[in-house]
C-alpha atoms as a PDB file:
ATOM      1  CA  MET A   1     147.584 220.883 217.764  1.00  0.00           C
ATOM      2  CA  ALA A   2     144.155 220.782 216.108  1.00  0.00           C
ATOM      3  CA  GLY A   3     144.773 224.253 214.674  1.00  0.00           C
ATOM      4  CA  MET A   4     147.933 223.028 212.978  1.00  0.00           C
ATOM      5  CA  LEU A   5     146.179 220.088 211.330  1.00  0.00           C
ATOM      6  CA  ARG A   6     143.804 221.923 209.026  1.00  0.00           C
ATOM      7  CA  ARG A   7     142.782 220.829 205.574  1.00  0.00           C
ATOM      8  CA  ARG A   8     143.310 223.035 202.548  1.00  0.00           C
ATOM      9  CA  MET A   9     141.759 223.179 199.128  1.00  0.00           C
ATOM     10  CA  ALA A  10     143.256 220.512 196.904  1.00  0.00           C
ATOM     11  CA  LEU A  11     144.894 222.882 194.425  1.00  0.00           C
ATOM     12  CA  THR A  12     146.439 224.997 197.188  1.00  0.00           C
ATOM     13  CA  ALA A  13     147.695 221.847 198.875  1.00  0.00           C
ATOM     14  CA  LEU A  14     149.191 220.632 195.627  1.00  0.00           C
ATOM     15  CA  PHE A  15     151.203 223.841 195.229  1.00  0.00           C
ATOM     16  CA  ARG A  16     152.340 223.705 198.873  1.00  0.00           C
ATOM     17  CA  VAL A  17     154.548 220.743 197.942  1.00  0.00           C
ATOM     18  CA  PHE A  18     156.976 223.208 196.394  1.00  0.00           C
ATOM     19  CA  LYS A  19     156.822 225.830 199.172  1.00  0.00           C
ATOM     20  CA  PRO A  20     160.023 226.141 201.225  1.00  0.00           C
ATOM     21  CA  GLY A  21     159.647 224.965 204.795  1.00  0.00           C
ATOM     22  CA  THR A  22     157.079 222.269 204.010  1.00  0.00           C
ATOM     23  CA  PRO A  23     157.807 218.573 203.528  1.00  0.00           C
ATOM     24  CA  GLY A  24     158.949 217.878 199.989  1.00  0.00           C
ATOM     25  CA  LEU A  25     157.381 215.547 197.480  1.00  0.00           C
ATOM     26  CA  GLY A  26     159.687 212.647 198.376  1.00  0.00           C
ATOM     27  CA  LYS A  27     158.897 212.871 202.083  1.00  0.00           C
ATOM     28  CA  ARG A  28     155.179 213.013 201.393  1.00  0.00           C
ATOM     29  CA  LEU A  29     155.254 210.055 199.008  1.00  0.00           C
ATOM     30  CA  ALA A  30     157.303 208.031 201.491  1.00  0.00           C
ATOM     31  CA  ALA A  31     154.749 208.786 204.234  1.00  0.00           C
ATOM     32  CA  ILE A  32     151.773 207.420 202.270  1.00  0.00           C
ATOM     33  CA  PRO A  33     152.310 203.710 203.141  1.00  0.00           C
ATOM     34  CA  ARG A  34     152.821 204.600 206.830  1.00  0.00           C
ATOM     35  CA  MET A  35     149.697 206.778 206.710  1.00  0.00           C
ATOM     36  CA  ILE A  36     147.627 203.942 205.243  1.00  0.00           C
ATOM     37  CA  ARG A  37     149.016 201.482 207.814  1.00  0.00           C
ATOM     38  CA  ALA A  38     148.293 203.854 210.728  1.00  0.00           C
ATOM     39  CA  THR A  39     144.776 204.443 209.394  1.00  0.00           C
ATOM     40  CA  MET A  40     144.116 200.699 209.041  1.00  0.00           C
ATOM     41  CA  ARG A  41     145.257 200.167 212.649  1.00  0.00           C
ATOM     42  CA  GLY A  42     142.961 202.960 213.843  1.00  0.00           C
ATOM     43  CA  GLU A  43     145.835 205.130 215.073  1.00  0.00           C
ATOM     44  CA  TYR A  44     145.296 207.932 212.540  1.00  0.00           C
ATOM     45  CA  ASP A  45     141.949 209.585 211.796  1.00  0.00           C
ATOM     46  CA  GLY A  46     142.313 209.708 207.997  1.00  0.00           C
ATOM     47  CA  GLY A  47     139.942 206.876 207.097  1.00  0.00           C
ATOM     48  CA  GLY A  48     137.166 208.948 205.524  1.00  0.00           C
ATOM     49  CA  ARG A  49     139.569 211.134 203.576  1.00  0.00           C
ATOM     50  CA  LEU A  50     141.541 208.135 202.320  1.00  0.00           C
ATOM     51  CA  ALA A  51     138.285 206.481 201.230  1.00  0.00           C
ATOM     52  CA  MET A  52     137.327 209.599 199.229  1.00  0.00           C
ATOM     53  CA  MET A  53     140.758 209.650 197.589  1.00  0.00           C
ATOM     54  CA  ALA A  54     140.466 205.939 196.764  1.00  0.00           C
ATOM     55  CA  MET A  55     137.097 206.574 195.127  1.00  0.00           C
ATOM     56  CA  ALA A  56     138.595 209.422 193.095  1.00  0.00           C
ATOM     57  CA  GLY A  57     141.426 207.142 191.959  1.00  0.00           C
ATOM     58  CA  VAL A  58     138.992 204.404 190.978  1.00  0.00           C
ATOM     59  CA  TYR A  59     136.888 206.930 189.045  1.00  0.00           C
ATOM     60  CA  ILE A  60     139.902 208.107 187.051  1.00  0.00           C
ATOM     61  CA  VAL A  61     140.883 204.607 185.932  1.00  0.00           C
ATOM     62  CA  SER A  62     137.404 203.055 185.648  1.00  0.00           C
ATOM     63  CA  PRO A  63     135.871 202.236 182.256  1.00  0.00           C
ATOM     64  CA  ILE A  64     132.688 204.102 183.299  1.00  0.00           C
ATOM     65  CA  ASP A  65     134.710 207.300 182.981  1.00  0.00           C
ATOM     66  CA  VAL A  66     134.935 206.736 179.205  1.00  0.00           C
ATOM     67  CA  ILE A  67     131.219 207.547 178.764  1.00  0.00           C
ATOM     68  CA  PRO A  68     131.555 211.351 179.226  1.00  0.00           C
ATOM     69  CA  GLU A  69     134.486 211.398 176.805  1.00  0.00           C
ATOM     70  CA  LEU A  70     132.422 209.684 174.099  1.00  0.00           C
ATOM     71  CA  PHE A  71     129.694 212.326 174.078  1.00  0.00           C
ATOM     72  CA  THR A  72     131.517 215.473 175.135  1.00  0.00           C
ATOM     73  CA  PHE A  73     135.232 215.073 174.560  1.00  0.00           C
ATOM     74  CA  VAL A  74     136.326 218.367 176.136  1.00  0.00           C
ATOM     75  CA  LEU A  75     133.984 218.198 179.136  1.00  0.00           C
ATOM     76  CA  GLY A  76     135.014 214.610 179.785  1.00  0.00           C
ATOM     77  CA  LEU A  77     138.667 215.597 179.902  1.00  0.00           C
ATOM     78  CA  VAL A  78     137.925 218.612 182.095  1.00  0.00           C
ATOM     79  CA  ASP A  79     136.101 216.400 184.574  1.00  0.00           C
ATOM     80  CA  ASP A  80     139.082 213.996 184.605  1.00  0.00           C
ATOM     81  CA  ALA A  81     141.469 216.898 185.193  1.00  0.00           C
ATOM     82  CA  ALA A  82     139.329 218.174 188.073  1.00  0.00           C
ATOM     83  CA  VAL A  83     139.190 214.758 189.749  1.00  0.00           C
ATOM     84  CA  ALA A  84     142.928 214.195 189.209  1.00  0.00           C
ATOM     85  CA  THR A  85     143.712 217.629 190.698  1.00  0.00           C
ATOM     86  CA  TYR A  86     141.532 216.841 193.702  1.00  0.00           C
ATOM     87  CA  PHE A  87     143.185 213.436 194.094  1.00  0.00           C
ATOM     88  CA  ALA A  88     146.769 214.732 193.926  1.00  0.00           C
ATOM     89  CA  GLY A  89     146.107 217.763 196.114  1.00  0.00           C
ATOM     90  CA  ALA A  90     144.146 215.851 198.738  1.00  0.00           C
ATOM     91  CA  LEU A  91     146.799 213.136 198.864  1.00  0.00           C
ATOM     92  CA  MET A  92     149.608 215.655 199.310  1.00  0.00           C
ATOM     93  CA  ASP A  93     147.616 217.586 201.933  1.00  0.00           C
ATOM     94  CA  GLU A  94     146.775 214.432 203.865  1.00  0.00           C
ATOM     95  CA  ALA A  95     150.415 213.307 203.708  1.00  0.00           C
ATOM     96  CA  GLU A  96     151.487 216.683 205.143  1.00  0.00           C
ATOM     97  CA  ARG A  97     148.831 216.379 207.853  1.00  0.00           C
ATOM     98  CA  PHE A  98     150.097 212.881 208.641  1.00  0.00           C
ATOM     99  CA  LEU A  99     153.710 214.066 208.859  1.00  0.00           C
ATOM    100  CA  GLU A 100     152.623 216.782 211.324  1.00  0.00           C
ATOM    101  CA  TRP A 101     150.698 214.207 213.356  1.00  0.00           C
ATOM    102  CA  GLU A 102     153.208 211.359 213.282  1.00  0.00           C
ATOM    103  CA  PRO A 103     155.736 212.526 215.889  1.00  0.00           C
ATOM    104  CA  TYR A 104     152.979 213.333 218.416  1.00  0.00           C
ATOM    105  CA  VAL A 105     151.575 209.834 218.711  1.00  0.00           C
ATOM    106  CA  PRO A 106     152.291 208.479 222.207  1.00  0.00           C
ATOM    107  CA  GLY A 107     154.532 205.439 222.017  1.00  0.00           C
ATOM    108  CA  TYR A 108     155.008 205.759 218.251  1.00  0.00           C
ATOM    109  CA  THR A 109     158.253 207.298 217.145  1.00  0.00           C
ATOM    110  CA  VAL A 110     159.894 207.176 213.781  1.00  0.00           C
ATOM    111  CA  HIS A 111     163.621 206.685 213.970  1.00  0.00           C
ATOM    112  CA  PRO A 112     165.973 205.970 211.130  1.00  0.00           C
ATOM    113  CA  ARG A 113     167.415 202.480 211.189  1.00  0.00           C
ATOM    114  CA  PRO A 114     170.671 202.502 213.169  1.00  0.00           C
ATOM    115  CA  PRO A 115     173.777 202.026 211.052  1.00  0.00           C
ATOM    116  CA  ARG A 116     175.072 198.506 210.831  1.00  0.00           C
ATOM    117  CA  VAL A 117     178.420 198.078 212.528  1.00  0.00           C
ATOM    118  CA  PRO A 118     180.739 195.746 210.621  1.00  0.00           C
ATOM    119  CA  ARG A 119     182.217 192.967 212.766  1.00  0.00           C
END
């Protein structure tokens, strides 16, 4: 199973969202809250990677990021684009990794809610 759960470069992972046979964007986005919850409980090993992604997200929206744009407009935008690409790709890759991991957790299965039977 460890061979299946490999990390890819962020840009490659970002383009894998659209590759047939891989989980789509909706499935990956829906898995993010479950991934964070499983990481917080210590069930999933994504803590370090999620922390790096959180730092990238904070960097993108922080006011400190305005400083490079003031002095070098183009380079400041390029650095934002690079961090945003890393953030999106790493998030999509980690969500795919989580979806591969999720069914294998002993005692943790994901089942759709059973349909409600009208009385």
